[in-house]
Amino acid sequence: MNWLPIALIALGGFLIGGVVSLWRADARPPAVLCGVFAAAAIAGGILWML
């Protein structure tokens, strides 16, 4: 099994934590941008495993 998809999913989880932190700090545009990157990382990791 390749380690890169697992790393991408882990990176997405880390970025989701950043989204929650930024959202609570009322930094909405950076939170949305971080959320887009998190979704792309998780989707990329899942699609890589298929």
PDB file of N, CA and C in Angstrom:
ATOM      1  N   MET A   1       0.843  -1.183   0.000  1.00  0.00           N
ATOM      2  CA  MET A   1       0.000   0.000   0.000  1.00  0.00           C
ATOM      3  C   MET A   1       0.887   1.244   0.000  1.00  0.00           C
ATOM      4  N   ASN A   2       0.466   2.213  -0.743  1.00  0.00           N
ATOM      5  CA  ASN A   2       1.218   3.453  -0.866  1.00  0.00           C
ATOM      6  C   ASN A   2       0.927   4.355   0.332  1.00  0.00           C
ATOM      7  N   TRP A   3       1.917   5.108   0.782  1.00  0.00           N
ATOM      8  CA  TRP A   3       1.749   5.964   1.956  1.00  0.00           C
ATOM      9  C   TRP A   3       1.206   7.343   1.609  1.00  0.00           C
ATOM     10  N   LEU A   4       1.280   7.747   0.359  1.00  0.00           N
ATOM     11  CA  LEU A   4       0.852   9.095  -0.007  1.00  0.00           C
ATOM     12  C   LEU A   4      -0.652   9.342   0.202  1.00  0.00           C
ATOM     13  N   PRO A   5      -1.554   8.402  -0.149  1.00  0.00           N
ATOM     14  CA  PRO A   5      -2.976   8.674   0.124  1.00  0.00           C
ATOM     15  C   PRO A   5      -3.265   8.828   1.611  1.00  0.00           C
ATOM     16  N   ILE A   6      -2.585   8.057   2.425  1.00  0.00           N
ATOM     17  CA  ILE A   6      -2.795   8.165   3.873  1.00  0.00           C
ATOM     18  C   ILE A   6      -2.299   9.521   4.365  1.00  0.00           C
ATOM     19  N   ALA A   7      -1.167   9.973   3.825  1.00  0.00           N
ATOM     20  CA  ALA A   7      -0.639  11.283   4.206  1.00  0.00           C
ATOM     21  C   ALA A   7      -1.567  12.406   3.761  1.00  0.00           C
ATOM     22  N   LEU A   8      -2.186  12.261   2.588  1.00  0.00           N
ATOM     23  CA  LEU A   8      -3.117  13.291   2.111  1.00  0.00           C
ATOM     24  C   LEU A   8      -4.353  13.374   3.002  1.00  0.00           C
ATOM     25  N   ILE A   9      -4.866  12.223   3.407  1.00  0.00           N
ATOM     26  CA  ILE A   9      -6.041  12.218   4.287  1.00  0.00           C
ATOM     27  C   ILE A   9      -5.682  12.797   5.649  1.00  0.00           C
ATOM     28  N   ALA A  10      -4.491  12.470   6.146  1.00  0.00           N
ATOM     29  CA  ALA A  10      -4.038  13.041   7.419  1.00  0.00           C
ATOM     30  C   ALA A  10      -3.868  14.558   7.302  1.00  0.00           C
ATOM     31  N   LEU A  11      -3.321  15.022   6.195  1.00  0.00           N
ATOM     32  CA  LEU A  11      -3.173  16.457   5.971  1.00  0.00           C
ATOM     33  C   LEU A  11      -4.545  17.132   5.935  1.00  0.00           C
ATOM     34  N   GLY A  12      -5.512  16.484   5.299  1.00  0.00           N
ATOM     35  CA  GLY A  12      -6.868  17.031   5.271  1.00  0.00           C
ATOM     36  C   GLY A  12      -7.463  17.149   6.663  1.00  0.00           C
ATOM     37  N   GLY A  13      -7.233  16.142   7.497  1.00  0.00           N
ATOM     38  CA  GLY A  13      -7.719  16.210   8.875  1.00  0.00           C
ATOM     39  C   GLY A  13      -7.062  17.325   9.660  1.00  0.00           C
ATOM     40  N   PHE A  14      -5.761  17.514   9.450  1.00  0.00           N
ATOM     41  CA  PHE A  14      -5.049  18.615  10.093  1.00  0.00           C
ATOM     42  C   PHE A  14      -5.616  19.957   9.639  1.00  0.00           C
ATOM     43  N   LEU A  15      -5.893  20.081   8.352  1.00  0.00           N
ATOM     44  CA  LEU A  15      -6.443  21.332   7.832  1.00  0.00           C
ATOM     45  C   LEU A  15      -7.856  21.592   8.337  1.00  0.00           C
ATOM     46  N   ILE A  16      -8.641  20.535   8.551  1.00  0.00           N
ATOM     47  CA  ILE A  16      -9.986  20.726   9.107  1.00  0.00           C
ATOM     48  C   ILE A  16      -9.899  21.308  10.515  1.00  0.00           C
ATOM     49  N   GLY A  17      -8.894  20.872  11.271  1.00  0.00           N
ATOM     50  CA  GLY A  17      -8.674  21.489  12.581  1.00  0.00           C
ATOM     51  C   GLY A  17      -8.375  22.974  12.456  1.00  0.00           C
ATOM     52  N   GLY A  18      -7.627  23.342  11.431  1.00  0.00           N
ATOM     53  CA  GLY A  18      -7.359  24.751  11.174  1.00  0.00           C
ATOM     54  C   GLY A  18      -8.614  25.513  10.793  1.00  0.00           C
ATOM     55  N   VAL A  19      -9.491  24.866  10.053  1.00  0.00           N
ATOM     56  CA  VAL A  19     -10.764  25.499   9.676  1.00  0.00           C
ATOM     57  C   VAL A  19     -11.578  25.819  10.921  1.00  0.00           C
ATOM     58  N   VAL A  20     -11.671  24.862  11.824  1.00  0.00           N
ATOM     59  CA  VAL A  20     -12.442  25.082  13.061  1.00  0.00           C
ATOM     60  C   VAL A  20     -11.829  26.218  13.870  1.00  0.00           C
ATOM     61  N   SER A  21     -10.515  26.218  13.985  1.00  0.00           N
ATOM     62  CA  SER A  21      -9.837  27.261  14.747  1.00  0.00           C
ATOM     63  C   SER A  21     -10.032  28.635  14.114  1.00  0.00           C
ATOM     64  N   LEU A  22      -9.866  28.726  12.807  1.00  0.00           N
ATOM     65  CA  LEU A  22     -10.045  30.007  12.129  1.00  0.00           C
ATOM     66  C   LEU A  22     -11.492  30.486  12.195  1.00  0.00           C
ATOM     67  N   TRP A  23     -12.438  29.564  12.069  1.00  0.00           N
ATOM     68  CA  TRP A  23     -13.847  29.941  12.098  1.00  0.00           C
ATOM     69  C   TRP A  23     -14.222  30.524  13.458  1.00  0.00           C
ATOM     70  N   ARG A  24     -13.708  29.912  14.527  1.00  0.00           N
ATOM     71  CA  ARG A  24     -14.009  30.411  15.872  1.00  0.00           C
ATOM     72  C   ARG A  24     -13.343  31.755  16.136  1.00  0.00           C
ATOM     73  N   ALA A  25     -12.260  32.051  15.411  1.00  0.00           N
ATOM     74  CA  ALA A  25     -11.572  33.333  15.569  1.00  0.00           C
ATOM     75  C   ALA A  25     -12.153  34.402  14.644  1.00  0.00           C
ATOM     76  N   ASP A  26     -13.276  34.121  14.023  1.00  0.00           N
ATOM     77  CA  ASP A  26     -13.966  35.031  13.100  1.00  0.00           C
ATOM     78  C   ASP A  26     -13.109  35.424  11.905  1.00  0.00           C
ATOM     79  N   ALA A  27     -12.272  34.521  11.453  1.00  0.00           N
ATOM     80  CA  ALA A  27     -11.486  34.731  10.225  1.00  0.00           C
ATOM     81  C   ALA A  27     -12.123  33.865   9.144  1.00  0.00           C
ATOM     82  N   ARG A  28     -13.255  34.291   8.637  1.00  0.00           N
ATOM     83  CA  ARG A  28     -14.047  33.464   7.737  1.00  0.00           C
ATOM     84  C   ARG A  28     -13.394  33.203   6.374  1.00  0.00           C
ATOM     85  N   PRO A  29     -12.869  34.222   5.660  1.00  0.00           N
ATOM     86  CA  PRO A  29     -12.268  33.917   4.344  1.00  0.00           C
ATOM     87  C   PRO A  29     -11.083  32.944   4.414  1.00  0.00           C
ATOM     88  N   PRO A  30     -10.155  33.096   5.379  1.00  0.00           N
ATOM     89  CA  PRO A  30      -9.095  32.084   5.465  1.00  0.00           C
ATOM     90  C   PRO A  30      -9.626  30.701   5.847  1.00  0.00           C
ATOM     91  N   ALA A  31     -10.691  30.664   6.643  1.00  0.00           N
ATOM     92  CA  ALA A  31     -11.276  29.379   7.025  1.00  0.00           C
ATOM     93  C   ALA A  31     -11.862  28.679   5.802  1.00  0.00           C
ATOM     94  N   VAL A  32     -12.519  29.437   4.947  1.00  0.00           N
ATOM     95  CA  VAL A  32     -13.089  28.848   3.727  1.00  0.00           C
ATOM     96  C   VAL A  32     -11.980  28.349   2.811  1.00  0.00           C
ATOM     97  N   LEU A  33     -10.922  29.132   2.667  1.00  0.00           N
ATOM     98  CA  LEU A  33      -9.797  28.712   1.832  1.00  0.00           C
ATOM     99  C   LEU A  33      -9.140  27.449   2.379  1.00  0.00           C
ATOM    100  N   CYS A  34      -8.941  27.404   3.675  1.00  0.00           N
ATOM    101  CA  CYS A  34      -8.365  26.220   4.305  1.00  0.00           C
ATOM    102  C   CYS A  34      -9.304  25.024   4.142  1.00  0.00           C
ATOM    103  N   GLY A  35     -10.609  25.253   4.198  1.00  0.00           N
ATOM    104  CA  GLY A  35     -11.580  24.176   3.999  1.00  0.00           C
ATOM    105  C   GLY A  35     -11.538  23.618   2.585  1.00  0.00           C
ATOM    106  N   VAL A  36     -11.328  24.489   1.617  1.00  0.00           N
ATOM    107  CA  VAL A  36     -11.213  24.033   0.226  1.00  0.00           C
ATOM    108  C   VAL A  36      -9.978  23.150   0.070  1.00  0.00           C
ATOM    109  N   PHE A  37      -8.864  23.577   0.654  1.00  0.00           N
ATOM    110  CA  PHE A  37      -7.644  22.767   0.589  1.00  0.00           C
ATOM    111  C   PHE A  37      -7.824  21.442   1.330  1.00  0.00           C
ATOM    112  N   ALA A  38      -8.522  21.459   2.461  1.00  0.00           N
ATOM    113  CA  ALA A  38      -8.766  20.233   3.212  1.00  0.00           C
ATOM    114  C   ALA A  38      -9.613  19.261   2.395  1.00  0.00           C
ATOM    115  N   ALA A  39     -10.658  19.773   1.766  1.00  0.00           N
ATOM    116  CA  ALA A  39     -11.516  18.907   0.945  1.00  0.00           C
ATOM    117  C   ALA A  39     -10.745  18.334  -0.235  1.00  0.00           C
ATOM    118  N   ALA A  40      -9.889  19.150  -0.843  1.00  0.00           N
ATOM    119  CA  ALA A  40      -9.097  18.662  -1.973  1.00  0.00           C
ATOM    120  C   ALA A  40      -8.113  17.588  -1.534  1.00  0.00           C
ATOM    121  N   ALA A  41      -7.489  17.770  -0.380  1.00  0.00           N
ATOM    122  CA  ALA A  41      -6.538  16.772   0.107  1.00  0.00           C
ATOM    123  C   ALA A  41      -7.223  15.457   0.433  1.00  0.00           C
ATOM    124  N   ILE A  42      -8.373  15.525   1.098  1.00  0.00           N
ATOM    125  CA  ILE A  42      -9.100  14.305   1.460  1.00  0.00           C
ATOM    126  C   ILE A  42      -9.633  13.610   0.207  1.00  0.00           C
ATOM    127  N   ALA A  43     -10.202  14.387  -0.712  1.00  0.00           N
ATOM    128  CA  ALA A  43     -10.713  13.795  -1.948  1.00  0.00           C
ATOM    129  C   ALA A  43      -9.581  13.176  -2.760  1.00  0.00           C
ATOM    130  N   GLY A  44      -8.452  13.848  -2.814  1.00  0.00           N
ATOM    131  CA  GLY A  44      -7.305  13.303  -3.543  1.00  0.00           C
ATOM    132  C   GLY A  44      -6.817  12.013  -2.937  1.00  0.00           C
ATOM    133  N   GLY A  45      -6.753  11.952  -1.610  1.00  0.00           N
ATOM    134  CA  GLY A  45      -6.324  10.724  -0.948  1.00  0.00           C
ATOM    135  C   GLY A  45      -7.282   9.575  -1.179  1.00  0.00           C
ATOM    136  N   ILE A  46      -8.575   9.853  -1.123  1.00  0.00           N
ATOM    137  CA  ILE A  46      -9.563   8.793  -1.344  1.00  0.00           C
ATOM    138  C   ILE A  46      -9.540   8.333  -2.794  1.00  0.00           C
ATOM    139  N   LEU A  47      -9.490   9.284  -3.714  1.00  0.00           N
ATOM    140  CA  LEU A  47      -9.472   8.899  -5.127  1.00  0.00           C
ATOM    141  C   LEU A  47      -8.200   8.142  -5.513  1.00  0.00           C
ATOM    142  N   TRP A  48      -7.099   8.478  -4.857  1.00  0.00           N
ATOM    143  CA  TRP A  48      -5.843   7.785  -5.134  1.00  0.00           C
ATOM    144  C   TRP A  48      -5.950   6.303  -4.744  1.00  0.00           C
ATOM    145  N   MET A  49      -6.711   6.025  -3.662  1.00  0.00           N
ATOM    146  CA  MET A  49      -6.830   4.640  -3.187  1.00  0.00           C
ATOM    147  C   MET A  49      -7.774   3.792  -4.029  1.00  0.00           C
ATOM    148  N   LEU A  50      -8.599   4.439  -4.842  1.00  0.00           N
ATOM    149  CA  LEU A  50      -9.567   3.669  -5.646  1.00  0.00           C
ATOM    150  C   LEU A  50      -8.929   2.966  -6.799  1.00  0.00           C
TER     151      LEU A  50
END
